[in-house]
Amino acid sequence: MKFFNYRLVIFALATIFGVVFAIPSLIQSDSGKKISLGLDLQGGLHMLLGVEVDKAVETKIKTIAATIKYFTDDEDILIEDLTIEPDKVNFVLLDSDEKIKLDTMLADIKGLDVSGADNLFYTVKLLDTEIALTKDMAVSQAVETIRNRLDQFGLAEPSVTRQGKTDIVVELPGIKTQEDEKAARELIAKPANLELMAIDEDKADQVHTLTKEQALEFGDLILEDSTDNGEIHLVHQIPILTGSQVVDAQVAFDQQTNQPIINFKLSSYGAKVFGDFTAKNIGKRLAVVLDGKVFSNPVVRERIGGGSGQISGNFTVVEAGNVAIALRSGALPAPVILLEKRSVGPSLGADSIASSMFALISGFILVVIFMMLYYRVAGIVANIALITNIFIIIAVMAMFGATLTLPGMAGIVLTVGMAVDANVIITERIRELIKSGTSIAKAVEDGYKNAMSAILDANMTTLLVAMILYAYGTGPIKGFAITISIGILASMLTAILGTHGVYEMIMSKMIKDKNKKKWFGVN
C-alpha cells in the first residue's frame, strides 16, 4: 500500500489546513481569524445614500478660485472683481504685462476652459469631460471617505459599495441601538468641509444690514456662528485654505475651560499658504469655518508657521471625536443625502442562520447516506472529501476575513451537492470500466482520466459565472460568488487529488479483496 503518495500528502495537508483554520469560526473562539457575519445574519443598518455630484463641481470651482487668488497675491499680480459662480470663476487682470505669467499658471491646471483672456476679462470654466470626471470621482471618493470613517469609528466589517452612477449602499452589521445608529449616520453624512476664510474687516460692521445677495456682489458670504445664537459673520467668498490640506486632526482639551477642542495639522503646501496669509494680515481676523458655520474668528497676532490650527466650539467629547475622524479621513467631495434606510433585527438573522444550518446539515446527511448506500466504500471516500471541502471553505473565508451573508450560506449549501458531484462522475466512470471487465487498478486510473474533461468543463464554466457575479454584483451577490468559487476550487482539489490519493493508498487491499460490490457498489 502506498501510504505516502504525493496526492495523499496534499490531501492530508489540505485537511489539516481546513480543520485548523476553521475551528475558530466554528467554536467562535476569542483567538484566531474568524468569519464575520453579514448584515442579514446578525442584524444591523442598511442605508442607500445619494451623492449630490453637482456640488462637487461647485467645490472644484471654488478651489480653482482659491488657487488663482493665492497665485496672484504671491506673484503680486493685480486682479479685481474675482467672483465665483456655480460653474465658473470671473476676474479682471489689471496689468497686461502679467498676462503670460497668469496664462501659464492657468494652463498648468488640467481641464480648464479659459475665455476672455484677450480683453483681460477672464472667465474660467471646467471642460465637459472634466465635469463628468469630477462627478464620477466625487462618488468614488465618497465611497472611500465613508469607508475610512467607519473603519476609524471602530465598526466591524462595514460594507460600502457604489450602486449606479450617484448612489452608495452602506451596510453596518452589529448596529442594534438607536444611539449607535444616530452616531453612524451623523459620521457618514457629515461633510467635514473645513475652510479658513478671511473676515471682511472693511464691511464687517454692515453684516446685519446686508442681504446674502448684496454680500455676494462684494465677493463676500454671510455665515452663521456655530453657537446658533443668531450671530453672523461677513467673510470673503474665496477661502484661504480648504480641508483638503488637512493631514491630521486630534481631540484635545482647552487648558483654561477644559472643553474638547480639535487640533489640526496642514500639509506642507497648506502650511506655506497659511503662513504667508497670516504674515500679510497681522491685526486682522481669520474665520475657522466648518460645514458652513464659523467656529472661531481669532485675530492674527503674528505669522503662524508650522501649519497647525485649532477648532473650538461647544463640542461634546463624542462630537469632537467624530469631527476629528471626519477631518482625518477627508471631507466628502459632495454632500450625501439619505434615500432609504432600513434596520435588520438580530432575530431575523438568527432565523436565517437556523434555516440555513438546517438546510446545510440535512442536505449533508442525505448526501452522505446516499453515497454510502449506493457506492459503499467509494461513497465513504467521497464523504471524507466532502467534509474536507467544507472545512477548506470556512478556513479560506476566515483567513481573508470574509463576511458570511445569507446568500453566502446558500452557496455553501449548494457546494455540498457540487463537491460530491465530481466524485459521482469519477466513481461512475470506474464502475463502467469494472462492468466491462477491466481490472480495479486499471479502472481507477482510466476512470479519473475519462472523468477529468467533464469535471473541468463543468467547474470552469461555473467558476467563470461566479467571477462575473462577483465583478458586477452587489454585496450579497458577491458573497454568494465567493463561497461558490472557493467551493469549486476546493472540490477539485479534494476530488481530483484527494480521493485519487486515497485509492492509491488502499489499491493493494482492493486488488487482493476482489469484492467489487464492497468497494464500488457494483457486481
Protein backbone atom coordinates (compact mmCIF):
# COMPACT_ATOMS: atom_id res chain seq x y z
CA MET A 1 0.00 0.00 0.00
CA LYS A 2 1.31 3.44 -1.00
CA PHE A 3 0.78 5.32 2.21
CA PHE A 4 2.82 8.33 1.12
CA ASN A 5 1.87 9.04 -2.46
CA TYR A 6 2.00 12.76 -3.27
CA ARG A 7 -1.76 13.03 -3.83
CA LEU A 8 -2.48 11.70 -0.37
CA VAL A 9 0.07 14.05 1.20
CA ILE A 10 -1.55 17.09 -0.48
CA PHE A 11 -4.99 15.89 0.61
CA ALA A 12 -3.81 15.40 4.21
CA LEU A 13 -2.21 18.86 4.31
CA ALA A 14 -5.39 20.42 2.89
CA THR A 15 -7.45 18.63 5.54
CA ILE A 16 -5.18 19.81 8.36
CA PHE A 17 -5.25 23.36 6.99
CA GLY A 18 -9.05 23.32 6.78
CA VAL A 19 -9.59 21.95 10.28
CA VAL A 20 -7.04 24.23 11.99
CA PHE A 21 -8.22 27.48 10.43
CA ALA A 22 -11.93 26.63 10.51
CA ILE A 23 -12.08 25.81 14.23
CA PRO A 24 -12.05 29.47 15.49
CA SER A 25 -15.10 30.23 13.32
CA LEU A 26 -16.92 27.03 14.26
CA ILE A 27 -16.48 27.41 18.01
CA GLN A 28 -16.36 31.24 17.95
CA SER A 29 -13.16 31.38 19.98
CA ASP A 30 -11.63 34.68 21.05
CA SER A 31 -8.34 33.93 19.30
CA GLY A 32 -7.65 33.33 15.64
CA LYS A 33 -9.20 34.69 12.48
CA LYS A 34 -12.94 34.14 12.17
CA ILE A 35 -15.65 34.64 9.59
CA SER A 36 -17.73 37.74 10.28
CA LEU A 37 -21.49 37.56 9.95
CA GLY A 38 -23.12 39.90 7.48
CA LEU A 39 -25.98 42.31 8.00
CA ASP A 40 -28.66 39.76 7.14
CA LEU A 41 -27.33 37.27 9.71
CA GLN A 42 -26.52 39.39 12.77
CA GLY A 43 -28.76 42.40 12.13
CA GLY A 44 -27.75 46.00 11.63
CA LEU A 45 -28.38 49.03 9.46
CA HIS A 46 -28.83 49.28 5.69
CA MET A 47 -28.72 52.71 4.02
CA LEU A 48 -28.94 53.92 0.44
CA LEU A 49 -27.21 57.28 0.00
CA GLY A 50 -27.28 59.67 -2.92
CA VAL A 51 -24.29 61.88 -3.76
CA GLU A 52 -25.12 65.43 -4.92
CA VAL A 53 -22.48 65.42 -7.63
CA ASP A 54 -23.26 68.94 -8.85
CA LYS A 55 -21.96 70.26 -5.53
CA ALA A 56 -18.63 68.58 -6.25
CA VAL A 57 -18.31 70.70 -9.39
CA GLU A 58 -19.06 73.84 -7.35
CA THR A 59 -16.41 72.84 -4.80
CA LYS A 60 -13.83 72.36 -7.54
CA ILE A 61 -14.66 75.79 -8.97
CA LYS A 62 -14.14 77.29 -5.51
CA THR A 63 -10.77 75.53 -5.19
CA ILE A 64 -9.69 76.92 -8.56
CA ALA A 65 -10.67 80.40 -7.41
CA ALA A 66 -8.60 79.99 -4.23
CA THR A 67 -5.63 78.83 -6.32
CA ILE A 68 -5.91 81.88 -8.60
CA LYS A 69 -6.11 84.25 -5.63
CA TYR A 70 -3.12 82.73 -3.87
CA PHE A 71 -1.02 82.75 -7.06
CA THR A 72 -1.85 86.36 -7.94
CA ASP A 73 -1.22 87.52 -4.37
CA ASP A 74 2.04 85.60 -4.16
CA GLU A 75 3.28 86.92 -7.51
CA ASP A 76 1.94 90.48 -6.92
CA ILE A 77 -0.30 90.23 -9.97
CA LEU A 78 -3.12 92.78 -9.78
CA ILE A 79 -6.63 91.46 -10.41
CA GLU A 80 -10.08 92.66 -9.38
CA ASP A 81 -13.70 91.51 -9.33
CA LEU A 82 -12.74 87.91 -8.53
CA THR A 83 -16.14 86.24 -8.18
CA ILE A 84 -17.40 82.68 -8.08
CA GLU A 85 -20.48 81.34 -9.82
CA PRO A 86 -21.69 77.72 -9.62
CA ASP A 87 -19.95 76.80 -12.88
CA LYS A 88 -17.24 79.44 -13.41
CA VAL A 89 -14.81 81.97 -11.98
CA ASN A 90 -14.65 85.55 -13.26
CA PHE A 91 -11.93 88.14 -12.72
CA VAL A 92 -10.21 91.07 -14.46
CA LEU A 93 -6.45 91.30 -14.96
CA LEU A 94 -5.32 94.90 -14.46
CA ASP A 95 -1.80 94.65 -15.89
CA SER A 96 -1.45 93.20 -19.37
CA ASP A 97 2.30 92.67 -18.80
CA GLU A 98 1.42 89.88 -16.35
CA LYS A 99 -0.77 88.06 -18.87
CA ILE A 100 1.86 85.49 -19.94
CA LYS A 101 2.65 84.54 -16.35
CA LEU A 102 -1.07 84.17 -15.46
CA ASP A 103 -1.88 82.22 -18.63
CA THR A 104 0.99 79.82 -17.93
CA MET A 105 -0.36 79.12 -14.44
CA LEU A 106 -3.89 78.50 -15.74
CA ALA A 107 -2.57 76.21 -18.48
CA ASP A 108 -0.97 74.03 -15.81
CA ILE A 109 -4.39 73.32 -14.25
CA LYS A 110 -5.89 70.34 -16.03
CA GLY A 111 -9.36 70.50 -17.55
CA LEU A 112 -9.88 74.28 -17.68
CA ASP A 113 -11.69 76.24 -20.37
CA VAL A 114 -10.33 79.81 -20.22
CA SER A 115 -12.01 82.54 -22.27
CA GLY A 116 -11.86 86.34 -22.43
CA ALA A 117 -8.11 86.48 -21.94
CA ASP A 118 -7.70 88.75 -24.98
CA ASN A 119 -9.52 91.66 -23.31
CA LEU A 120 -8.16 90.74 -19.82
CA PHE A 121 -11.66 89.83 -18.55
CA TYR A 122 -11.15 86.18 -17.66
CA THR A 123 -13.85 83.54 -17.42
CA VAL A 124 -12.61 80.16 -16.18
CA LYS A 125 -14.81 77.08 -16.57
CA LEU A 126 -14.35 73.33 -16.48
CA LEU A 127 -14.42 71.34 -19.70
CA ASP A 128 -17.38 68.98 -20.13
CA THR A 129 -15.05 65.98 -19.85
CA GLU A 130 -13.59 67.37 -16.62
CA ILE A 131 -17.08 67.95 -15.20
CA ALA A 132 -18.06 64.35 -15.95
CA LEU A 133 -14.80 63.10 -14.42
CA THR A 134 -15.31 65.30 -11.34
CA LYS A 135 -18.80 63.90 -10.79
CA ASP A 136 -17.59 60.31 -11.19
CA MET A 137 -14.65 60.90 -8.87
CA ALA A 138 -16.97 62.52 -6.30
CA VAL A 139 -18.89 59.25 -5.91
CA SER A 140 -15.72 57.13 -5.82
CA GLN A 141 -14.10 59.43 -3.26
CA ALA A 142 -17.28 59.47 -1.18
CA VAL A 143 -17.18 55.65 -1.04
CA GLU A 144 -13.56 55.66 0.15
CA THR A 145 -14.15 58.52 2.61
CA ILE A 146 -17.18 56.86 4.19
CA ARG A 147 -15.35 53.53 4.39
CA ASN A 148 -12.35 55.19 6.08
CA ARG A 149 -14.59 56.97 8.57
CA LEU A 150 -16.41 53.78 9.53
CA ASP A 151 -13.12 51.89 9.88
CA GLN A 152 -11.78 54.57 12.25
CA PHE A 153 -15.10 54.66 14.09
CA GLY A 154 -14.48 51.03 15.04
CA LEU A 155 -17.39 49.32 13.29
CA ALA A 156 -16.66 45.71 12.34
CA GLU A 157 -16.91 44.75 8.67
CA PRO A 158 -18.79 47.76 7.27
CA SER A 159 -19.82 47.31 3.65
CA VAL A 160 -19.68 50.44 1.45
CA THR A 161 -20.32 49.87 -2.25
CA ARG A 162 -21.20 52.04 -5.20
CA GLN A 163 -24.55 51.46 -6.89
CA GLY A 164 -25.21 53.07 -10.25
CA LYS A 165 -23.80 56.50 -11.12
CA THR A 166 -24.58 58.51 -7.99
CA ASP A 167 -25.74 56.14 -5.22
CA ILE A 168 -23.89 54.36 -2.41
CA VAL A 169 -25.08 51.35 -0.39
CA VAL A 170 -23.85 51.23 3.23
CA GLU A 171 -24.40 48.14 5.38
CA LEU A 172 -23.39 48.21 9.04
CA PRO A 173 -23.67 44.82 10.77
CA GLY A 174 -24.00 44.90 14.54
CA ILE A 175 -25.76 48.28 14.82
CA LYS A 176 -28.52 47.49 17.30
CA THR A 177 -29.25 50.63 19.35
CA GLN A 178 -30.71 53.99 18.35
CA GLU A 179 -27.63 55.74 19.76
CA ASP A 180 -25.24 53.69 17.60
CA GLU A 181 -27.41 54.24 14.56
CA LYS A 182 -27.53 58.00 15.10
CA ALA A 183 -23.77 58.23 15.62
CA ALA A 184 -23.08 56.20 12.48
CA ARG A 185 -25.48 58.24 10.35
CA GLU A 186 -24.02 61.54 11.55
CA LEU A 187 -20.49 60.34 10.89
CA ILE A 188 -21.36 59.13 7.40
CA ALA A 189 -23.28 62.23 6.30
CA LYS A 190 -21.05 64.85 7.94
CA PRO A 191 -19.40 66.87 5.15
CA ALA A 192 -16.46 67.91 7.41
CA ASN A 193 -15.74 70.74 5.00
CA LEU A 194 -13.12 72.82 6.79
CA GLU A 195 -12.31 76.26 5.38
CA LEU A 196 -10.04 79.03 6.63
CA MET A 197 -11.59 82.31 5.47
CA ALA A 198 -10.69 85.94 5.95
CA ILE A 199 -13.15 88.26 7.71
CA ASP A 200 -14.07 91.27 5.55
CA GLU A 201 -12.90 93.92 8.03
CA ASP A 202 -13.95 96.83 5.80
CA LYS A 203 -17.62 95.82 5.76
CA ALA A 204 -17.86 93.75 8.93
CA ASP A 205 -19.97 96.39 10.68
CA GLN A 206 -22.54 96.22 7.85
CA VAL A 207 -23.14 92.49 8.19
CA HIS A 208 -26.57 92.95 9.80
CA THR A 209 -27.78 95.31 7.06
CA LEU A 210 -26.62 93.34 4.04
CA THR A 211 -28.56 90.57 2.35
CA LYS A 212 -26.79 87.47 1.10
CA GLU A 213 -27.24 88.65 -2.47
CA GLN A 214 -25.71 92.05 -1.68
CA ALA A 215 -22.81 90.38 0.09
CA LEU A 216 -22.14 88.24 -3.00
CA GLU A 217 -21.89 91.39 -5.09
CA PHE A 218 -18.96 92.44 -2.88
CA GLY A 219 -17.42 88.95 -3.15
CA ASP A 220 -18.45 88.05 0.41
CA LEU A 221 -20.52 85.44 2.23
CA ILE A 222 -22.68 85.77 5.34
CA LEU A 223 -22.14 82.78 7.61
CA GLU A 224 -23.83 81.82 10.87
CA ASP A 225 -21.96 81.25 14.10
CA SER A 226 -21.67 77.66 15.32
CA THR A 227 -23.27 78.58 18.66
CA ASP A 228 -26.63 79.21 16.90
CA ASN A 229 -27.09 82.36 18.97
CA GLY A 230 -28.02 84.47 15.96
CA GLU A 231 -24.55 85.91 15.47
CA ILE A 232 -23.42 86.20 11.83
CA HIS A 233 -20.08 86.90 10.16
CA LEU A 234 -19.08 88.52 6.88
CA VAL A 235 -16.21 86.63 5.22
CA HIS A 236 -14.54 86.80 1.86
CA GLN A 237 -16.06 84.30 -0.58
CA ILE A 238 -12.69 82.91 -1.69
CA PRO A 239 -11.29 80.64 1.05
CA ILE A 240 -7.65 80.83 2.05
CA LEU A 241 -7.44 77.07 2.52
CA THR A 242 -9.81 74.09 2.43
CA GLY A 243 -9.88 70.83 4.35
CA SER A 244 -8.10 69.05 1.50
CA GLN A 245 -4.86 70.35 3.04
CA VAL A 246 -5.57 68.77 6.46
CA VAL A 247 -3.27 65.80 7.12
CA ASP A 248 -4.15 65.11 10.76
CA ALA A 249 -6.76 66.03 13.37
CA GLN A 250 -6.86 65.01 17.02
CA VAL A 251 -9.10 65.72 20.00
CA ALA A 252 -7.56 67.74 22.83
CA PHE A 253 -8.81 69.79 25.79
CA ASP A 254 -8.59 73.52 26.31
CA GLN A 255 -6.31 74.19 29.29
CA GLN A 256 -8.46 77.07 30.54
CA THR A 257 -12.01 75.75 30.03
CA ASN A 258 -11.26 72.00 29.89
CA GLN A 259 -13.62 71.82 26.90
CA PRO A 260 -12.93 69.45 23.99
CA ILE A 261 -11.17 71.09 21.04
CA ILE A 262 -9.76 69.78 17.76
CA ASN A 263 -6.14 70.36 16.80
CA PHE A 264 -5.44 70.01 13.09
CA LYS A 265 -2.25 69.97 11.04
CA LEU A 266 -1.86 71.15 7.45
CA SER A 267 0.23 69.75 4.62
CA SER A 268 3.48 71.47 3.64
CA TYR A 269 1.68 73.41 0.89
CA GLY A 270 -1.14 74.33 3.24
CA ALA A 271 1.35 75.44 5.89
CA LYS A 272 3.08 77.74 3.38
CA VAL A 273 -0.20 79.31 2.26
CA PHE A 274 -1.35 79.73 5.86
CA GLY A 275 1.98 81.23 6.92
CA ASP A 276 2.01 83.69 4.01
CA PHE A 277 -1.56 84.79 4.74
CA THR A 278 -1.02 85.36 8.45
CA ALA A 279 2.21 87.28 7.76
CA LYS A 280 0.35 89.71 5.47
CA ASN A 281 -2.77 90.06 7.67
CA ILE A 282 -1.47 90.79 11.19
CA GLY A 283 -4.17 92.53 13.19
CA LYS A 284 -6.99 91.12 11.07
CA ARG A 285 -9.37 88.29 11.89
CA LEU A 286 -9.39 84.77 10.48
CA ALA A 287 -12.57 82.67 10.46
CA VAL A 288 -12.35 78.92 11.08
CA VAL A 289 -15.36 77.58 9.18
CA LEU A 290 -16.63 74.00 9.45
CA ASP A 291 -19.55 72.91 7.27
CA GLY A 292 -20.59 76.49 6.60
CA LYS A 293 -20.55 77.70 10.22
CA VAL A 294 -17.95 79.90 11.92
CA PHE A 295 -16.50 78.16 14.96
CA SER A 296 -13.98 80.86 15.85
CA ASN A 297 -12.62 84.11 14.42
CA PRO A 298 -9.35 84.87 16.19
CA VAL A 299 -7.24 87.96 15.49
CA VAL A 300 -3.94 87.22 13.79
CA ARG A 301 -1.23 88.49 16.19
CA GLU A 302 1.81 87.23 14.26
CA ARG A 303 2.84 84.99 11.42
CA ILE A 304 1.69 81.43 12.19
CA GLY A 305 4.16 78.87 10.92
CA GLY A 306 4.19 75.12 11.26
CA GLY A 307 0.77 74.62 9.67
CA SER A 308 -1.15 73.92 12.88
CA GLY A 309 -4.56 75.21 13.85
CA GLN A 310 -7.39 74.68 16.30
CA ILE A 311 -11.17 74.37 16.17
CA SER A 312 -13.01 75.23 19.37
CA GLY A 313 -16.74 75.18 19.93
CA ASN A 314 -19.47 73.66 22.03
CA PHE A 315 -18.36 70.11 21.32
CA THR A 316 -19.03 67.10 23.44
CA VAL A 317 -16.19 64.58 23.59
CA VAL A 318 -18.06 62.26 21.20
CA GLU A 319 -18.84 65.08 18.74
CA ALA A 320 -15.24 66.28 18.79
CA GLY A 321 -14.04 62.73 18.16
CA ASN A 322 -16.39 62.29 15.20
CA VAL A 323 -15.33 65.63 13.69
CA ALA A 324 -11.66 64.67 14.09
CA ILE A 325 -12.32 61.33 12.38
CA ALA A 326 -14.12 63.10 9.53
CA LEU A 327 -11.27 65.59 9.09
CA ARG A 328 -8.62 62.87 9.13
CA SER A 329 -10.46 60.73 6.60
CA GLY A 330 -11.11 63.75 4.38
CA ALA A 331 -14.10 65.90 3.63
CA LEU A 332 -16.82 64.47 1.46
CA PRO A 333 -16.32 65.89 -2.05
CA ALA A 334 -20.08 66.42 -2.27
CA PRO A 335 -22.99 66.23 0.20
CA VAL A 336 -24.74 62.89 0.60
CA ILE A 337 -28.45 62.50 1.26
CA LEU A 338 -30.27 59.55 2.78
CA LEU A 339 -32.53 57.96 0.16
CA GLU A 340 -33.52 54.81 2.03
CA LYS A 341 -32.93 53.30 5.46
CA ARG A 342 -33.95 50.02 7.00
CA SER A 343 -32.94 48.18 10.12
CA VAL A 344 -32.50 44.42 10.23
CA GLY A 345 -33.20 42.90 13.61
CA PRO A 346 -30.92 40.21 15.07
CA SER A 347 -33.90 37.88 15.47
CA LEU A 348 -34.33 37.79 11.69
CA GLY A 349 -30.64 36.98 11.37
CA ALA A 350 -30.98 34.19 13.94
CA ASP A 351 -33.90 32.70 11.99
CA SER A 352 -31.86 32.89 8.78
CA ILE A 353 -28.91 31.14 10.41
CA ALA A 354 -31.16 28.42 11.85
CA SER A 355 -32.87 27.82 8.50
CA SER A 356 -29.57 27.78 6.60
CA MET A 357 -27.93 25.45 9.09
CA PHE A 358 -30.93 23.10 8.91
CA ALA A 359 -30.66 23.06 5.11
CA LEU A 360 -26.90 22.53 5.25
CA ILE A 361 -26.98 19.74 7.85
CA SER A 362 -29.98 17.93 6.40
CA GLY A 363 -28.60 18.16 2.86
CA PHE A 364 -25.21 16.97 4.07
CA ILE A 365 -26.68 13.98 5.92
CA LEU A 366 -28.81 12.93 2.94
CA VAL A 367 -25.85 13.14 0.58
CA VAL A 368 -23.63 11.16 2.98
CA ILE A 369 -26.23 8.43 3.43
CA PHE A 370 -26.90 8.14 -0.30
CA MET A 371 -23.18 7.92 -1.16
CA MET A 372 -22.55 5.24 1.47
CA LEU A 373 -25.52 3.11 0.43
CA TYR A 374 -25.02 3.40 -3.31
CA TYR A 375 -21.23 3.49 -3.69
CA ARG A 376 -20.20 1.68 -0.47
CA VAL A 377 -16.51 2.32 0.37
CA ALA A 378 -16.14 4.68 -2.62
CA GLY A 379 -19.02 6.66 -1.14
CA ILE A 380 -17.22 6.84 2.22
CA VAL A 381 -14.11 8.18 0.44
CA ALA A 382 -16.26 10.78 -1.32
CA ASN A 383 -17.84 11.77 2.02
CA ILE A 384 -14.40 12.31 3.56
CA ALA A 385 -13.56 14.59 0.64
CA LEU A 386 -16.87 16.41 1.15
CA ILE A 387 -16.16 17.07 4.84
CA THR A 388 -12.67 18.33 3.99
CA ASN A 389 -14.19 20.56 1.34
CA ILE A 390 -16.48 22.29 3.86
CA PHE A 391 -13.59 22.81 6.29
CA ILE A 392 -11.48 24.37 3.49
CA ILE A 393 -14.25 26.78 2.53
CA ILE A 394 -14.64 28.00 6.10
CA ALA A 395 -10.86 28.20 6.61
CA VAL A 396 -10.20 30.24 3.45
CA MET A 397 -13.04 32.66 4.21
CA ALA A 398 -11.75 33.09 7.77
CA MET A 399 -8.18 33.71 6.61
CA PHE A 400 -9.23 36.51 4.29
CA GLY A 401 -11.65 38.00 6.82
CA ALA A 402 -14.64 37.39 4.57
CA THR A 403 -18.14 38.27 5.67
CA LEU A 404 -20.69 35.47 5.57
CA THR A 405 -24.12 36.54 4.33
CA LEU A 406 -27.32 34.59 3.77
CA PRO A 407 -26.56 34.12 0.03
CA GLY A 408 -23.10 33.00 1.11
CA MET A 409 -24.63 30.31 3.30
CA ALA A 410 -26.78 29.30 0.33
CA GLY A 411 -23.55 29.00 -1.64
CA ILE A 412 -22.13 26.64 0.98
CA VAL A 413 -25.30 24.52 0.88
CA LEU A 414 -25.08 24.38 -2.92
CA THR A 415 -21.39 23.50 -2.69
CA VAL A 416 -22.26 20.35 -0.71
CA GLY A 417 -24.02 18.99 -3.78
CA MET A 418 -21.42 20.32 -6.21
CA ALA A 419 -18.49 18.93 -4.20
CA VAL A 420 -19.81 15.39 -4.32
CA ASP A 421 -20.74 15.71 -8.00
CA ALA A 422 -17.13 15.29 -9.17
CA ASN A 423 -16.79 12.12 -7.10
CA VAL A 424 -20.01 10.76 -8.59
CA ILE A 425 -18.67 11.29 -12.12
CA ILE A 426 -15.36 9.64 -11.28
CA THR A 427 -16.95 6.68 -9.48
CA GLU A 428 -19.43 6.08 -12.30
CA ARG A 429 -16.58 6.00 -14.81
CA ILE A 430 -14.78 3.44 -12.61
CA ARG A 431 -17.96 1.35 -12.28
CA GLU A 432 -18.45 1.33 -16.07
CA LEU A 433 -14.93 0.07 -16.63
CA ILE A 434 -15.27 -2.60 -13.92
CA LYS A 435 -18.53 -3.83 -15.50
CA SER A 436 -16.73 -4.15 -18.84
CA GLY A 437 -14.19 -6.47 -17.21
CA THR A 438 -11.35 -4.03 -16.59
CA SER A 439 -9.20 -4.69 -13.53
CA ILE A 440 -9.70 -2.48 -10.47
CA ALA A 441 -6.28 -0.82 -10.77
CA LYS A 442 -6.78 -0.06 -14.46
CA ALA A 443 -10.38 1.03 -13.88
CA VAL A 444 -9.35 3.55 -11.21
CA GLU A 445 -6.61 5.13 -13.35
CA ASP A 446 -8.73 5.27 -16.52
CA GLY A 447 -11.79 6.38 -14.55
CA TYR A 448 -10.00 9.50 -13.36
CA LYS A 449 -8.65 10.21 -16.85
CA ASN A 450 -12.05 9.77 -18.52
CA ALA A 451 -13.84 11.91 -15.94
CA MET A 452 -11.31 14.74 -15.97
CA SER A 453 -12.62 16.62 -19.01
CA ALA A 454 -16.24 16.59 -17.78
CA ILE A 455 -15.21 17.75 -14.29
CA LEU A 456 -13.00 20.56 -15.59
CA ASP A 457 -15.58 21.77 -18.12
CA ALA A 458 -18.39 21.86 -15.56
CA ASN A 459 -16.34 23.51 -12.83
CA MET A 460 -14.61 26.06 -15.09
CA THR A 461 -17.88 27.29 -16.58
CA THR A 462 -19.41 27.60 -13.10
CA LEU A 463 -16.28 29.39 -11.85
CA LEU A 464 -16.47 31.81 -14.79
CA VAL A 465 -20.10 32.65 -13.95
CA ALA A 466 -19.11 33.16 -10.29
CA MET A 467 -16.37 35.59 -11.36
CA ILE A 468 -18.88 37.56 -13.42
CA LEU A 469 -21.29 37.66 -10.47
CA TYR A 470 -18.51 38.94 -8.23
CA ALA A 471 -17.39 41.59 -10.73
CA TYR A 472 -20.85 43.05 -11.40
CA GLY A 473 -22.90 42.06 -8.36
CA THR A 474 -23.51 43.95 -5.12
CA GLY A 475 -22.68 42.79 -1.57
CA PRO A 476 -24.96 39.71 -1.17
CA ILE A 477 -24.29 38.54 -4.73
CA LYS A 478 -20.56 38.91 -4.15
CA GLY A 479 -20.86 36.77 -1.01
CA PHE A 480 -22.59 34.03 -2.98
CA ALA A 481 -19.96 34.22 -5.72
CA ILE A 482 -17.08 33.99 -3.23
CA THR A 483 -18.37 30.89 -1.45
CA ILE A 484 -19.19 29.16 -4.74
CA SER A 485 -15.73 29.95 -6.13
CA ILE A 486 -13.91 28.68 -3.05
CA GLY A 487 -16.13 25.58 -3.01
CA ILE A 488 -15.40 24.80 -6.67
CA LEU A 489 -11.64 25.10 -6.23
CA ALA A 490 -11.71 23.09 -3.01
CA SER A 491 -13.86 20.35 -4.57
CA MET A 492 -11.44 19.99 -7.47
CA LEU A 493 -8.59 19.64 -5.00
CA THR A 494 -10.33 17.06 -2.83
CA ALA A 495 -11.98 15.10 -5.65
CA ILE A 496 -9.26 15.01 -8.30
CA LEU A 497 -6.25 14.74 -5.99
CA GLY A 498 -7.61 13.71 -2.61
CA THR A 499 -9.77 10.71 -3.40
CA HIS A 500 -7.28 9.50 -6.02
CA GLY A 501 -4.59 9.51 -3.34
CA VAL A 502 -6.83 7.51 -1.00
CA TYR A 503 -7.46 4.91 -3.73
CA GLU A 504 -3.72 4.62 -4.37
CA MET A 505 -3.19 4.04 -0.64
CA ILE A 506 -5.69 1.18 -0.47
CA MET A 507 -5.19 -0.17 -4.01
CA SER A 508 -3.35 -3.36 -2.99
CA LYS A 509 -6.08 -4.18 -0.50
CA MET A 510 -8.82 -3.69 -3.12
CA ILE A 511 -6.99 -5.90 -5.60
CA LYS A 512 -6.47 -8.62 -3.01
CA ASP A 513 -10.06 -8.49 -1.73
CA LYS A 514 -11.68 -8.59 -5.23
CA ASN A 515 -15.09 -7.67 -3.69
CA LYS A 516 -16.11 -5.05 -6.24
CA LYS A 517 -19.55 -4.53 -4.71
CA LYS A 518 -17.98 -3.73 -1.34
CA TRP A 519 -15.60 -1.16 -2.81
CA PHE A 520 -17.67 0.45 -5.58
CA GLY A 521 -21.20 -0.89 -5.18
CA VAL A 522 -21.06 -2.78 -8.47
CA ASN A 523 -21.49 -6.54 -9.13
